[in-house]
Protein backbone atom coordinates (compact mmCIF):
# COMPACT_ATOMS: atom_id res chain seq x y z
CA UNK A 1 42.39 -24.11 11.64
CA UNK A 2 39.11 -25.72 10.98
CA UNK A 3 37.92 -23.36 13.97
CA UNK A 4 38.21 -20.54 11.59
CA UNK A 5 36.37 -21.68 8.37
CA UNK A 6 33.48 -22.82 10.94
CA UNK A 7 33.45 -19.21 12.19
CA UNK A 8 34.00 -18.32 8.89
CA UNK A 9 31.07 -20.03 7.17
CA UNK A 10 28.62 -19.55 10.04
CA UNK A 11 29.16 -15.61 9.55
CA UNK A 12 28.65 -16.16 5.69
CA UNK A 13 25.72 -18.17 6.72
CA UNK A 14 24.07 -15.12 8.69
CA UNK A 15 25.15 -12.69 6.73
CA UNK A 16 23.32 -14.12 3.56
CA UNK A 17 19.76 -14.68 6.60
CA UNK A 18 20.49 -10.84 7.81
CA UNK A 19 20.45 -10.62 3.83
CA UNK A 20 17.16 -11.69 3.28
CA UNK A 21 15.39 -10.19 6.19
CA UNK A 22 16.15 -6.69 4.99
CA UNK A 23 15.05 -7.74 1.65
CA UNK A 24 11.80 -8.31 2.34
CA UNK A 25 11.52 -6.17 5.12
CA UNK A 26 12.38 -3.77 2.33
CA UNK A 27 9.73 -5.14 -0.54
CA UNK A 28 7.06 -3.20 -1.21
CA UNK A 29 3.96 -4.09 0.05
CA UNK A 30 0.66 -2.09 -0.63
CA UNK A 31 -1.61 -0.05 1.36
CA UNK A 32 -5.01 -1.16 2.99
CA UNK A 33 -7.34 2.44 2.91
CA UNK A 34 -9.77 2.14 5.39
CA UNK A 35 -13.23 2.93 3.63
CA UNK A 36 -15.17 4.19 6.67
CA UNK A 37 -18.10 5.28 4.41
CA UNK A 38 -18.05 1.58 2.62
CA UNK A 39 -16.97 0.00 6.66
CA UNK A 40 -14.50 -1.72 4.58
CA UNK A 41 -10.42 -1.53 3.33
CA UNK A 42 -9.38 -0.83 -0.68
CA UNK A 43 -6.07 -2.37 -1.84
CA UNK A 44 -4.00 1.00 -2.70
CA UNK A 45 -2.36 -0.03 -5.82
CA UNK A 46 -2.27 1.63 -9.15
CA UNK A 47 -5.46 1.09 -10.17
CA UNK A 48 -6.99 2.75 -7.02
CA UNK A 49 -3.85 5.62 -7.38
CA UNK A 50 -5.71 6.31 -10.63
CA UNK A 51 -8.73 6.87 -9.50
CA UNK A 52 -7.90 8.80 -6.97
CA UNK A 53 -6.05 11.10 -9.42
CA UNK A 54 -8.95 11.70 -11.04
CA UNK A 55 -11.16 12.47 -8.27
CA UNK A 56 -8.48 15.17 -7.32
CA UNK A 57 -8.29 17.20 -10.67
CA UNK A 58 -12.58 16.64 -10.93
CA UNK A 59 -12.44 18.38 -7.38
CA UNK A 60 -9.28 20.44 -7.84
CA UNK A 61 -7.43 18.96 -5.51
CA UNK A 62 -3.88 18.58 -5.18
CA UNK A 63 -3.33 15.13 -6.65
CA UNK A 64 0.07 14.96 -5.58
CA UNK A 65 -1.08 15.08 -2.12
CA UNK A 66 -0.96 11.77 -0.15
CA UNK A 67 -4.40 10.03 0.64
CA UNK A 68 -3.18 9.27 3.84
CA UNK A 69 -3.17 12.87 4.94
CA UNK A 70 -6.29 14.27 3.82
CA UNK A 71 -8.83 15.36 6.73
CA UNK A 72 -11.04 12.78 7.44
CA UNK A 73 -14.00 14.74 5.76
CA UNK A 74 -12.31 14.94 2.62
CA UNK A 75 -11.36 10.72 2.71
CA UNK A 76 -15.05 10.41 3.14
CA UNK A 77 -16.36 12.47 -0.41
CA UNK A 78 -13.61 10.69 -2.15
CA UNK A 79 -14.88 7.52 -1.31
CA UNK A 80 -18.34 8.18 -2.17
CA UNK A 81 -17.10 9.63 -5.19
CA UNK A 82 -15.19 6.89 -5.88
CA UNK A 83 -18.12 4.02 -5.83
CA UNK A 84 -20.75 6.23 -7.69
CA UNK A 85 -17.34 6.05 -10.19
CA UNK A 86 -16.42 2.77 -10.21
CA UNK A 87 -16.27 0.71 -13.54
CA UNK A 88 -17.30 -2.72 -11.75
CA UNK A 89 -20.58 -3.38 -11.70
CA UNK A 90 -20.12 -4.88 -8.57
CA UNK A 91 -16.81 -3.44 -6.47
CA UNK A 92 -15.13 -6.19 -5.36
CA UNK A 93 -13.53 -5.50 -1.83
CA UNK A 94 -10.24 -5.74 -0.27
CA UNK A 95 -10.96 -8.76 2.70
CA UNK A 96 -6.84 -9.99 3.05
């Protein structure tokens, strides 16, 4: 009888740990985009997505298209535009 309770507790513990692991694995992690124009990375967050939508609209491109699926020359064009149209006085680069 004691052995059954130990196995049940062990099973419950394993289930809890597996759920915690799956939860952590499924959490949204921001995409980091490589900027070949400036040789750095940018965190693709809501702010960057807003810039991308603005660029897409101004250049008559599909704003629903995933940036990662753009050809490299269009990605470079975006980064050039992005650095020229940044509202920040100094552009901070993500180094994470």
